[in-house]
PDB file of N, CA and C in Angstrom:
ATOM      1  N   MET A   1      29.632  -6.779 -30.841  1.00  0.00           N
ATOM      2  CA  MET A   1      29.255  -8.082 -31.355  1.00  0.00           C
ATOM      3  C   MET A   1      29.782  -8.182 -32.779  1.00  0.00           C
ATOM      4  N   PRO A   2      30.358  -9.325 -33.125  1.00  0.00           N
ATOM      5  CA  PRO A   2      30.937  -9.441 -34.470  1.00  0.00           C
ATOM      6  C   PRO A   2      29.843  -9.434 -35.521  1.00  0.00           C
ATOM      7  N   SER A   3      30.182  -8.826 -36.662  1.00  0.00           N
ATOM      8  CA  SER A   3      29.231  -8.812 -37.766  1.00  0.00           C
ATOM      9  C   SER A   3      29.414 -10.060 -38.611  1.00  0.00           C
ATOM     10  N   ALA A   4      28.550 -10.238 -39.590  1.00  0.00           N
ATOM     11  CA  ALA A   4      28.627 -11.413 -40.461  1.00  0.00           C
ATOM     12  C   ALA A   4      29.945 -11.422 -41.224  1.00  0.00           C
ATOM     13  N   ASN A   5      30.500 -10.243 -41.518  1.00  0.00           N
ATOM     14  CA  ASN A   5      31.770 -10.168 -42.240  1.00  0.00           C
ATOM     15  C   ASN A   5      32.945 -10.598 -41.362  1.00  0.00           C
ATOM     16  N   ASP A   6      32.800 -10.494 -40.047  1.00  0.00           N
ATOM     17  CA  ASP A   6      33.881 -10.842 -39.138  1.00  0.00           C
ATOM     18  C   ASP A   6      33.983 -12.348 -38.922  1.00  0.00           C
ATOM     19  N   LEU A   7      32.909 -13.077 -39.181  1.00  0.00           N
ATOM     20  CA  LEU A   7      32.904 -14.517 -38.950  1.00  0.00           C
ATOM     21  C   LEU A   7      33.621 -15.221 -40.089  1.00  0.00           C
ATOM     22  N   PRO A   8      34.381 -16.251 -39.763  1.00  0.00           N
ATOM     23  CA  PRO A   8      35.069 -16.993 -40.822  1.00  0.00           C
ATOM     24  C   PRO A   8      34.064 -17.793 -41.631  1.00  0.00           C
ATOM     25  N   LEU A   9      34.448 -18.105 -42.845  1.00  0.00           N
ATOM     26  CA  LEU A   9      33.577 -18.912 -43.704  1.00  0.00           C
ATOM     27  C   LEU A   9      33.409 -20.289 -43.097  1.00  0.00           C
ATOM     28  N   SER A  10      32.223 -20.886 -43.323  1.00  0.00           N
ATOM     29  CA  SER A  10      32.004 -22.220 -42.758  1.00  0.00           C
ATOM     30  C   SER A  10      33.044 -23.159 -43.327  1.00  0.00           C
ATOM     31  N   GLY A  11      33.489 -24.055 -42.547  1.00  0.00           N
ATOM     32  CA  GLY A  11      34.552 -24.955 -42.969  1.00  0.00           C
ATOM     33  C   GLY A  11      35.906 -24.449 -42.519  1.00  0.00           C
ATOM     34  N   GLN A  12      36.040 -23.152 -42.278  1.00  0.00           N
ATOM     35  CA  GLN A  12      37.297 -22.587 -41.817  1.00  0.00           C
ATOM     36  C   GLN A  12      37.224 -22.182 -40.346  1.00  0.00           C
ATOM     37  N   THR A  13      36.140 -22.527 -39.659  1.00  0.00           N
ATOM     38  CA  THR A  13      35.959 -22.153 -38.272  1.00  0.00           C
ATOM     39  C   THR A  13      36.914 -22.963 -37.399  1.00  0.00           C
ATOM     40  N   THR A  14      37.657 -22.242 -36.568  1.00  0.00           N
ATOM     41  CA  THR A  14      38.601 -22.907 -35.677  1.00  0.00           C
ATOM     42  C   THR A  14      38.079 -22.855 -34.250  1.00  0.00           C
ATOM     43  N   SER A  15      38.688 -23.630 -33.388  1.00  0.00           N
ATOM     44  CA  SER A  15      38.262 -23.637 -31.990  1.00  0.00           C
ATOM     45  C   SER A  15      38.504 -22.270 -31.356  1.00  0.00           C
ATOM     46  N   LYS A  16      39.505 -21.554 -31.834  1.00  0.00           N
ATOM     47  CA  LYS A  16      39.781 -20.205 -31.336  1.00  0.00           C
ATOM     48  C   LYS A  16      38.623 -19.268 -31.692  1.00  0.00           C
ATOM     49  N   ASP A  17      38.081 -19.408 -32.881  1.00  0.00           N
ATOM     50  CA  ASP A  17      36.945 -18.589 -33.314  1.00  0.00           C
ATOM     51  C   ASP A  17      35.718 -18.890 -32.462  1.00  0.00           C
ATOM     52  N   VAL A  18      35.480 -20.166 -32.193  1.00  0.00           N
ATOM     53  CA  VAL A  18      34.322 -20.565 -31.389  1.00  0.00           C
ATOM     54  C   VAL A  18      34.474 -20.024 -29.974  1.00  0.00           C
ATOM     55  N   GLU A  19      35.671 -20.121 -29.424  1.00  0.00           N
ATOM     56  CA  GLU A  19      35.923 -19.601 -28.082  1.00  0.00           C
ATOM     57  C   GLU A  19      35.702 -18.092 -28.041  1.00  0.00           C
ATOM     58  N   ALA A  20      36.128 -17.388 -29.072  1.00  0.00           N
ATOM     59  CA  ALA A  20      35.939 -15.936 -29.128  1.00  0.00           C
ATOM     60  C   ALA A  20      34.451 -15.592 -29.197  1.00  0.00           C
ATOM     61  N   GLN A  21      33.697 -16.355 -29.993  1.00  0.00           N
ATOM     62  CA  GLN A  21      32.259 -16.112 -30.096  1.00  0.00           C
ATOM     63  C   GLN A  21      31.563 -16.413 -28.765  1.00  0.00           C
ATOM     64  N   ILE A  22      31.970 -17.488 -28.100  1.00  0.00           N
ATOM     65  CA  ILE A  22      31.390 -17.838 -26.796  1.00  0.00           C
ATOM     66  C   ILE A  22      31.724 -16.750 -25.773  1.00  0.00           C
ATOM     67  N   SER A  23      32.929 -16.266 -25.811  1.00  0.00           N
ATOM     68  CA  SER A  23      33.336 -15.191 -24.899  1.00  0.00           C
ATOM     69  C   SER A  23      32.494 -13.930 -25.146  1.00  0.00           C
ATOM     70  N   GLN A  24      32.294 -13.606 -26.423  1.00  0.00           N
ATOM     71  CA  GLN A  24      31.480 -12.442 -26.770  1.00  0.00           C
ATOM     72  C   GLN A  24      30.039 -12.635 -26.299  1.00  0.00           C
ATOM     73  N   LEU A  25      29.507 -13.848 -26.478  1.00  0.00           N
ATOM     74  CA  LEU A  25      28.151 -14.143 -26.010  1.00  0.00           C
ATOM     75  C   LEU A  25      28.042 -13.984 -24.494  1.00  0.00           C
ATOM     76  N   ARG A  26      29.051 -14.462 -23.773  1.00  0.00           N
ATOM     77  CA  ARG A  26      29.059 -14.312 -22.310  1.00  0.00           C
ATOM     78  C   ARG A  26      29.032 -12.843 -21.917  1.00  0.00           C
ATOM     79  N   GLU A  27      29.836 -12.037 -22.582  1.00  0.00           N
ATOM     80  CA  GLU A  27      29.867 -10.595 -22.294  1.00  0.00           C
ATOM     81  C   GLU A  27      28.509  -9.952 -22.583  1.00  0.00           C
ATOM     82  N   ASP A  28      27.918 -10.325 -23.711  1.00  0.00           N
ATOM     83  CA  ASP A  28      26.603  -9.785 -24.073  1.00  0.00           C
ATOM     84  C   ASP A  28      25.535 -10.191 -23.057  1.00  0.00           C
ATOM     85  N   ILE A  29      25.573 -11.451 -22.633  1.00  0.00           N
ATOM     86  CA  ILE A  29      24.590 -11.934 -21.655  1.00  0.00           C
ATOM     87  C   ILE A  29      24.793 -11.223 -20.320  1.00  0.00           C
ATOM     88  N   ALA A  30      26.045 -11.029 -19.912  1.00  0.00           N
ATOM     89  CA  ALA A  30      26.327 -10.320 -18.662  1.00  0.00           C
ATOM     90  C   ALA A  30      25.827  -8.881 -18.732  1.00  0.00           C
ATOM     91  N   ALA A  31      26.057  -8.222 -19.868  1.00  0.00           N
ATOM     92  CA  ALA A  31      25.580  -6.844 -20.036  1.00  0.00           C
ATOM     93  C   ALA A  31      24.056  -6.799 -19.995  1.00  0.00           C
ATOM     94  N   LEU A  32      23.425  -7.766 -20.647  1.00  0.00           N
ATOM     95  CA  LEU A  32      21.970  -7.841 -20.644  1.00  0.00           C
ATOM     96  C   LEU A  32      21.442  -8.072 -19.230  1.00  0.00           C
ATOM     97  N   ALA A  33      22.097  -8.947 -18.475  1.00  0.00           N
ATOM     98  CA  ALA A  33      21.689  -9.230 -17.093  1.00  0.00           C
ATOM     99  C   ALA A  33      21.809  -7.974 -16.236  1.00  0.00           C
ATOM    100  N   ARG A  34      22.890  -7.205 -16.428  1.00  0.00           N
ATOM    101  CA  ARG A  34      23.048  -5.962 -15.666  1.00  0.00           C
ATOM    102  C   ARG A  34      21.956  -4.961 -16.016  1.00  0.00           C
ATOM    103  N   THR A  35      21.629  -4.873 -17.293  1.00  0.00           N
ATOM    104  CA  THR A  35      20.571  -3.959 -17.728  1.00  0.00           C
ATOM    105  C   THR A  35      19.224  -4.358 -17.135  1.00  0.00           C
ATOM    106  N   VAL A  36      18.899  -5.649 -17.185  1.00  0.00           N
ATOM    107  CA  VAL A  36      17.629  -6.140 -16.632  1.00  0.00           C
ATOM    108  C   VAL A  36      17.581  -5.896 -15.123  1.00  0.00           C
ATOM    109  N   ALA A  37      18.692  -6.134 -14.430  1.00  0.00           N
ATOM    110  CA  ALA A  37      18.749  -5.916 -12.978  1.00  0.00           C
ATOM    111  C   ALA A  37      18.533  -4.439 -12.656  1.00  0.00           C
ATOM    112  N   ALA A  38      19.152  -3.555 -13.425  1.00  0.00           N
ATOM    113  CA  ALA A  38      18.990  -2.123 -13.186  1.00  0.00           C
ATOM    114  C   ALA A  38      17.536  -1.706 -13.399  1.00  0.00           C
ATOM    115  N   LEU A  39      16.931  -2.208 -14.457  1.00  0.00           N
ATOM    116  CA  LEU A  39      15.523  -1.893 -14.713  1.00  0.00           C
ATOM    117  C   LEU A  39      14.634  -2.420 -13.593  1.00  0.00           C
ATOM    118  N   GLY A  40      14.926  -3.637 -13.124  1.00  0.00           N
ATOM    119  CA  GLY A  40      14.155  -4.225 -12.030  1.00  0.00           C
ATOM    120  C   GLY A  40      14.294  -3.418 -10.753  1.00  0.00           C
ATOM    121  N   ASN A  41      15.510  -2.961 -10.454  1.00  0.00           N
ATOM    122  CA  ASN A  41      15.730  -2.143  -9.260  1.00  0.00           C
ATOM    123  C   ASN A  41      14.989  -0.814  -9.354  1.00  0.00           C
ATOM    124  N   ASP A  42      15.025  -0.197 -10.527  1.00  0.00           N
ATOM    125  CA  ASP A  42      14.308   1.066 -10.726  1.00  0.00           C
ATOM    126  C   ASP A  42      12.811   0.871 -10.524  1.00  0.00           C
ATOM    127  N   LYS A  43      12.273  -0.201 -11.099  1.00  0.00           N
ATOM    128  CA  LYS A  43      10.833  -0.472 -10.983  1.00  0.00           C
ATOM    129  C   LYS A  43      10.473  -0.774  -9.531  1.00  0.00           C
ATOM    130  N   ALA A  44      11.309  -1.548  -8.840  1.00  0.00           N
ATOM    131  CA  ALA A  44      11.046  -1.871  -7.432  1.00  0.00           C
ATOM    132  C   ALA A  44      11.058  -0.602  -6.580  1.00  0.00           C
ATOM    133  N   SER A  45      11.998   0.289  -6.849  1.00  0.00           N
ATOM    134  CA  SER A  45      12.055   1.558  -6.104  1.00  0.00           C
ATOM    135  C   SER A  45      10.803   2.384  -6.362  1.00  0.00           C
ATOM    136  N   GLU A  46      10.367   2.397  -7.600  1.00  0.00           N
ATOM    137  CA  GLU A  46       9.152   3.144  -7.958  1.00  0.00           C
ATOM    138  C   GLU A  46       7.936   2.576  -7.225  1.00  0.00           C
ATOM    139  N   VAL A  47       7.819   1.260  -7.199  1.00  0.00           N
ATOM    140  CA  VAL A  47       6.679   0.616  -6.527  1.00  0.00           C
ATOM    141  C   VAL A  47       6.739   0.870  -5.020  1.00  0.00           C
ATOM    142  N   ARG A  48       7.945   0.791  -4.437  1.00  0.00           N
ATOM    143  CA  ARG A  48       8.085   1.070  -3.004  1.00  0.00           C
ATOM    144  C   ARG A  48       7.652   2.502  -2.692  1.00  0.00           C
ATOM    145  N   GLY A  49       8.048   3.431  -3.530  1.00  0.00           N
ATOM    146  CA  GLY A  49       7.658   4.829  -3.324  1.00  0.00           C
ATOM    147  C   GLY A  49       6.157   5.008  -3.393  1.00  0.00           C
ATOM    148  N   LYS A  50       5.523   4.375  -4.367  1.00  0.00           N
ATOM    149  CA  LYS A  50       4.067   4.466  -4.485  1.00  0.00           C
ATOM    150  C   LYS A  50       3.387   3.854  -3.273  1.00  0.00           C
ATOM    151  N   ALA A  51       3.905   2.728  -2.793  1.00  0.00           N
ATOM    152  CA  ALA A  51       3.321   2.068  -1.622  1.00  0.00           C
ATOM    153  C   ALA A  51       3.464   2.952  -0.386  1.00  0.00           C
ATOM    154  N   ARG A  52       4.617   3.585  -0.227  1.00  0.00           N
ATOM    155  CA  ARG A  52       4.808   4.500   0.914  1.00  0.00           C
ATOM    156  C   ARG A  52       3.830   5.671   0.852  1.00  0.00           C
ATOM    157  N   ARG A  53       3.677   6.237  -0.340  1.00  0.00           N
ATOM    158  CA  ARG A  53       2.746   7.370  -0.487  1.00  0.00           C
ATOM    159  C   ARG A  53       1.320   6.934  -0.179  1.00  0.00           C
ATOM    160  N   ALA A  54       0.927   5.757  -0.661  1.00  0.00           N
ATOM    161  CA  ALA A  54      -0.426   5.261  -0.403  1.00  0.00           C
ATOM    162  C   ALA A  54      -0.631   5.017   1.089  1.00  0.00           C
ATOM    163  N   ALA A  55       0.368   4.450   1.757  1.00  0.00           N
ATOM    164  CA  ALA A  55       0.264   4.202   3.197  1.00  0.00           C
ATOM    165  C   ALA A  55       0.163   5.515   3.970  1.00  0.00           C
ATOM    166  N   THR A  56       0.954   6.497   3.572  1.00  0.00           N
ATOM    167  CA  THR A  56       0.908   7.803   4.235  1.00  0.00           C
ATOM    168  C   THR A  56      -0.452   8.465   4.020  1.00  0.00           C
ATOM    169  N   ASP A  57      -0.953   8.399   2.795  1.00  0.00           N
ATOM    170  CA  ASP A  57      -2.269   8.975   2.502  1.00  0.00           C
ATOM    171  C   ASP A  57      -3.359   8.290   3.315  1.00  0.00           C
ATOM    172  N   ALA A  58      -3.295   6.961   3.410  1.00  0.00           N
ATOM    173  CA  ALA A  58      -4.295   6.218   4.170  1.00  0.00           C
ATOM    174  C   ALA A  58      -4.214   6.569   5.653  1.00  0.00           C
ATOM    175  N   ALA A  59      -2.998   6.689   6.176  1.00  0.00           N
ATOM    176  CA  ALA A  59      -2.827   7.049   7.583  1.00  0.00           C
ATOM    177  C   ALA A  59      -3.374   8.447   7.848  1.00  0.00           C
ATOM    178  N   ASP A  60      -3.095   9.383   6.947  1.00  0.00           N
ATOM    179  CA  ASP A  60      -3.614  10.747   7.109  1.00  0.00           C
ATOM    180  C   ASP A  60      -5.138  10.766   7.067  1.00  0.00           C
ATOM    181  N   ALA A  61      -5.715  10.026   6.131  1.00  0.00           N
ATOM    182  CA  ALA A  61      -7.174   9.993   6.009  1.00  0.00           C
ATOM    183  C   ALA A  61      -7.803   9.373   7.244  1.00  0.00           C
ATOM    184  N   SER A  62      -7.213   8.297   7.760  1.00  0.00           N
ATOM    185  CA  SER A  62      -7.791   7.666   8.949  1.00  0.00           C
ATOM    186  C   SER A  62      -7.642   8.573  10.164  1.00  0.00           C
ATOM    187  N   LYS A  63      -6.555   9.292  10.259  1.00  0.00           N
ATOM    188  CA  LYS A  63      -6.361  10.240  11.365  1.00  0.00           C
ATOM    189  C   LYS A  63      -7.426  11.335  11.310  1.00  0.00           C
ATOM    190  N   GLN A  64      -7.698  11.838  10.122  1.00  0.00           N
ATOM    191  CA  GLN A  64      -8.727  12.872   9.966  1.00  0.00           C
ATOM    192  C   GLN A  64     -10.101  12.334  10.330  1.00  0.00           C
ATOM    193  N   MET A  65     -10.367  11.075   9.953  1.00  0.00           N
ATOM    194  CA  MET A  65     -11.664  10.476  10.278  1.00  0.00           C
ATOM    195  C   MET A  65     -11.816  10.299  11.787  1.00  0.00           C
ATOM    196  N   VAL A  66     -10.746   9.882  12.460  1.00  0.00           N
ATOM    197  CA  VAL A  66     -10.789   9.719  13.921  1.00  0.00           C
ATOM    198  C   VAL A  66     -11.024  11.071  14.584  1.00  0.00           C
ATOM    199  N   GLU A  67     -10.330  12.084  14.124  1.00  0.00           N
ATOM    200  CA  GLU A  67     -10.507  13.421  14.701  1.00  0.00           C
ATOM    201  C   GLU A  67     -11.939  13.918  14.493  1.00  0.00           C
ATOM    202  N   ALA A  68     -12.490  13.681  13.310  1.00  0.00           N
ATOM    203  CA  ALA A  68     -13.868  14.100  13.041  1.00  0.00           C
ATOM    204  C   ALA A  68     -14.850  13.341  13.929  1.00  0.00           C
ATOM    205  N   ALA A  69     -14.612  12.039  14.123  1.00  0.00           N
ATOM    206  CA  ALA A  69     -15.490  11.237  14.980  1.00  0.00           C
ATOM    207  C   ALA A  69     -15.410  11.716  16.431  1.00  0.00           C
ATOM    208  N   GLN A  70     -14.201  12.057  16.886  1.00  0.00           N
ATOM    209  CA  GLN A  70     -14.049  12.567  18.250  1.00  0.00           C
ATOM    210  C   GLN A  70     -14.795  13.886  18.426  1.00  0.00           C
ATOM    211  N   LYS A  71     -14.674  14.766  17.442  1.00  0.00           N
ATOM    212  CA  LYS A  71     -15.384  16.051  17.517  1.00  0.00           C
ATOM    213  C   LYS A  71     -16.891  15.839  17.551  1.00  0.00           C
ATOM    214  N   GLN A  72     -17.375  14.898  16.722  1.00  0.00           N
ATOM    215  CA  GLN A  72     -18.814  14.614  16.690  1.00  0.00           C
ATOM    216  C   GLN A  72     -19.280  14.043  18.024  1.00  0.00           C
ATOM    217  N   ALA A  73     -18.487  13.122  18.598  1.00  0.00           N
ATOM    218  CA  ALA A  73     -18.851  12.531  19.891  1.00  0.00           C
ATOM    219  C   ALA A  73     -18.889  13.592  20.984  1.00  0.00           C
ATOM    220  N   LEU A  74     -17.917  14.500  20.986  1.00  0.00           N
ATOM    221  CA  LEU A  74     -17.918  15.589  21.971  1.00  0.00           C
ATOM    222  C   LEU A  74     -19.123  16.505  21.783  1.00  0.00           C
ATOM    223  N   SER A  75     -19.469  16.752  20.534  1.00  0.00           N
ATOM    224  CA  SER A  75     -20.634  17.590  20.248  1.00  0.00           C
ATOM    225  C   SER A  75     -21.911  16.932  20.764  1.00  0.00           C
ATOM    226  N   TRP A  76     -22.059  15.621  20.516  1.00  0.00           N
ATOM    227  CA  TRP A  76     -23.234  14.896  21.015  1.00  0.00           C
ATOM    228  C   TRP A  76     -23.272  14.906  22.545  1.00  0.00           C
ATOM    229  N   GLU A  77     -22.102  14.747  23.159  1.00  0.00           N
ATOM    230  CA  GLU A  77     -22.038  14.762  24.620  1.00  0.00           C
ATOM    231  C   GLU A  77     -22.490  16.116  25.172  1.00  0.00           C
ATOM    232  N   ARG A  78     -22.008  17.205  24.574  1.00  0.00           N
ATOM    233  CA  ARG A  78     -22.413  18.547  25.017  1.00  0.00           C
ATOM    234  C   ARG A  78     -23.910  18.769  24.816  1.00  0.00           C
ATOM    235  N   ASP A  79     -24.413  18.312  23.647  1.00  0.00           N
ATOM    236  CA  ASP A  79     -25.845  18.468  23.379  1.00  0.00           C
ATOM    237  C   ASP A  79     -26.687  17.692  24.388  1.00  0.00           C
ATOM    238  N   MET A  80     -26.252  16.460  24.692  1.00  0.00           N
ATOM    239  CA  MET A  80     -26.994  15.625  25.638  1.00  0.00           C
ATOM    240  C   MET A  80     -26.952  16.248  27.036  1.00  0.00           C
ATOM    241  N   GLU A  81     -25.789  16.729  27.420  1.00  0.00           N
ATOM    242  CA  GLU A  81     -25.657  17.361  28.736  1.00  0.00           C
ATOM    243  C   GLU A  81     -26.552  18.589  28.837  1.00  0.00           C
ATOM    244  N   GLN A  82     -26.579  19.369  27.765  1.00  0.00           N
ATOM    245  CA  GLN A  82     -27.426  20.568  27.751  1.00  0.00           C
ATOM    246  C   GLN A  82     -28.905  20.169  27.834  1.00  0.00           C
ATOM    247  N   GLN A  83     -29.290  19.120  27.118  1.00  0.00           N
ATOM    248  CA  GLN A  83     -30.673  18.634  27.138  1.00  0.00           C
ATOM    249  C   GLN A  83     -31.046  18.152  28.543  1.00  0.00           C
ATOM    250  N   ILE A  84     -30.139  17.431  29.191  1.00  0.00           N
ATOM    251  CA  ILE A  84     -30.412  16.924  30.544  1.00  0.00           C
ATOM    252  C   ILE A  84     -30.550  18.084  31.523  1.00  0.00           C
ATOM    253  N   ARG A  85     -29.684  19.091  31.399  1.00  0.00           N
ATOM    254  CA  ARG A  85     -29.761  20.250  32.317  1.00  0.00           C
ATOM    255  C   ARG A  85     -31.048  21.063  32.099  1.00  0.00           C
ATOM    256  N   SER A  86     -31.480  21.153  30.842  1.00  0.00           N
ATOM    257  CA  SER A  86     -32.672  21.970  30.586  1.00  0.00           C
ATOM    258  C   SER A  86     -33.971  21.224  30.920  1.00  0.00           C
ATOM    259  N   LYS A  87     -33.967  19.881  30.818  1.00  0.00           N
ATOM    260  CA  LYS A  87     -35.179  19.107  31.096  1.00  0.00           C
ATOM    261  C   LYS A  87     -34.814  17.862  31.922  1.00  0.00           C
ATOM    262  N   PRO A  88     -34.506  18.039  33.208  1.00  0.00           N
ATOM    263  CA  PRO A  88     -34.040  16.908  34.008  1.00  0.00           C
ATOM    264  C   PRO A  88     -35.093  15.814  34.208  1.00  0.00           C
ATOM    265  N   LEU A  89     -36.346  16.160  34.444  1.00  0.00           N
ATOM    266  CA  LEU A  89     -37.379  15.146  34.676  1.00  0.00           C
ATOM    267  C   LEU A  89     -37.626  14.316  33.421  1.00  0.00           C
ATOM    268  N   GLN A  90     -37.702  14.962  32.291  1.00  0.00           N
ATOM    269  CA  GLN A  90     -37.897  14.243  31.035  1.00  0.00           C
ATOM    270  C   GLN A  90     -36.706  13.309  30.773  1.00  0.00           C
ATOM    271  N   SER A  91     -35.509  13.762  31.081  1.00  0.00           N
ATOM    272  CA  SER A  91     -34.303  12.954  30.868  1.00  0.00           C
ATOM    273  C   SER A  91     -34.313  11.712  31.752  1.00  0.00           C
ATOM    274  N   VAL A  92     -34.731  11.878  33.019  1.00  0.00           N
ATOM    275  CA  VAL A  92     -34.809  10.730  33.924  1.00  0.00           C
ATOM    276  C   VAL A  92     -35.859   9.748  33.420  1.00  0.00           C
ATOM    277  N   ALA A  93     -36.997  10.251  32.943  1.00  0.00           N
ATOM    278  CA  ALA A  93     -38.055   9.380  32.428  1.00  0.00           C
ATOM    279  C   ALA A  93     -37.566   8.600  31.199  1.00  0.00           C
ATOM    280  N   VAL A  94     -36.862   9.257  30.291  1.00  0.00           N
ATOM    281  CA  VAL A  94     -36.338   8.596  29.101  1.00  0.00           C
ATOM    282  C   VAL A  94     -35.318   7.530  29.512  1.00  0.00           C
ATOM    283  N   ALA A  95     -34.431   7.859  30.443  1.00  0.00           N
ATOM    284  CA  ALA A  95     -33.427   6.894  30.895  1.00  0.00           C
ATOM    285  C   ALA A  95     -34.100   5.686  31.542  1.00  0.00           C
ATOM    286  N   ALA A  96     -35.147   5.920  32.336  1.00  0.00           N
ATOM    287  CA  ALA A  96     -35.867   4.814  32.969  1.00  0.00           C
ATOM    288  C   ALA A  96     -36.547   3.951  31.912  1.00  0.00           C
ATOM    289  N   GLY A  97     -37.124   4.570  30.903  1.00  0.00           N
ATOM    290  CA  GLY A  97     -37.779   3.826  29.822  1.00  0.00           C
ATOM    291  C   GLY A  97     -36.784   2.974  29.048  1.00  0.00           C
ATOM    292  N   VAL A  98     -35.653   3.541  28.734  1.00  0.00           N
ATOM    293  CA  VAL A  98     -34.615   2.793  28.009  1.00  0.00           C
ATOM    294  C   VAL A  98     -34.124   1.633  28.874  1.00  0.00           C
ATOM    295  N   GLY A  99     -33.927   1.865  30.162  1.00  0.00           N
ATOM    296  CA  GLY A  99     -33.497   0.798  31.064  1.00  0.00           C
ATOM    297  C   GLY A  99     -34.530  -0.311  31.156  1.00  0.00           C
ATOM    298  N   PHE A 100     -35.817   0.059  31.210  1.00  0.00           N
ATOM    299  CA  PHE A 100     -36.891  -0.930  31.278  1.00  0.00           C
ATOM    300  C   PHE A 100     -36.912  -1.790  30.010  1.00  0.00           C
ATOM    301  N   ILE A 101     -36.821  -1.154  28.869  1.00  0.00           N
ATOM    302  CA  ILE A 101     -36.820  -1.896  27.591  1.00  0.00           C
ATOM    303  C   ILE A 101     -35.602  -2.811  27.514  1.00  0.00           C
ATOM    304  N   PHE A 102     -34.456  -2.325  27.944  1.00  0.00           N
ATOM    305  CA  PHE A 102     -33.237  -3.134  27.936  1.00  0.00           C
ATOM    306  C   PHE A 102     -33.404  -4.355  28.851  1.00  0.00           C
ATOM    307  N   ALA A 103     -34.012  -4.144  30.028  1.00  0.00           N
ATOM    308  CA  ALA A 103     -34.235  -5.254  30.965  1.00  0.00           C
ATOM    309  C   ALA A 103     -35.179  -6.289  30.360  1.00  0.00           C
ATOM    310  N   LEU A 104     -36.221  -5.844  29.665  1.00  0.00           N
ATOM    311  CA  LEU A 104     -37.138  -6.775  29.022  1.00  0.00           C
ATOM    312  C   LEU A 104     -36.442  -7.600  27.941  1.00  0.00           C
ATOM    313  N   MET A 105     -35.585  -6.954  27.179  1.00  0.00           N
ATOM    314  CA  MET A 105     -34.896  -7.637  26.086  1.00  0.00           C
ATOM    315  C   MET A 105     -33.891  -8.662  26.598  1.00  0.00           C
ATOM    316  N   THR A 106     -33.259  -8.392  27.719  1.00  0.00           N
ATOM    317  CA  THR A 106     -32.224  -9.301  28.217  1.00  0.00           C
ATOM    318  C   THR A 106     -32.814 -10.479  28.982  1.00  0.00           C
ATOM    319  N   ARG A 107     -34.072 -10.424  29.378  1.00  0.00           N
ATOM    320  CA  ARG A 107     -34.704 -11.542  30.077  1.00  0.00           C
ATOM    321  C   ARG A 107     -34.981 -12.699  29.136  1.00  0.00           C
ATOM    322  N   ARG A 108     -35.176 -12.452  27.899  1.00  0.00           N
ATOM    323  CA  ARG A 108     -35.553 -13.506  26.926  1.00  0.00           C
ATOM    324  C   ARG A 108     -34.378 -14.249  26.437  1.00  0.00           C
TER     325      ARG A 108
END
């Protein structure tokens, strides 16, 4: 960029000088635009990377939660089966009671 010493004195400015200054301004603006674009691309890449990591972390956490829920459900199923095998009459009575209460609730 031209310094103050490079510019002609006022009154001596020619159209060639103005064209040179405009050309220099265009070059400076183009360089600035390239710099801003590069910074924007870098920031966008950084944000995309963070979003991917967050999505992967969320997917991993949800997978672990599903696996834990499945294990818990299987554990409850085994416990219930064991309870039914050890006390079949009590289990039938409880099932009949639950069915009766359910039937009463659905009639209303």
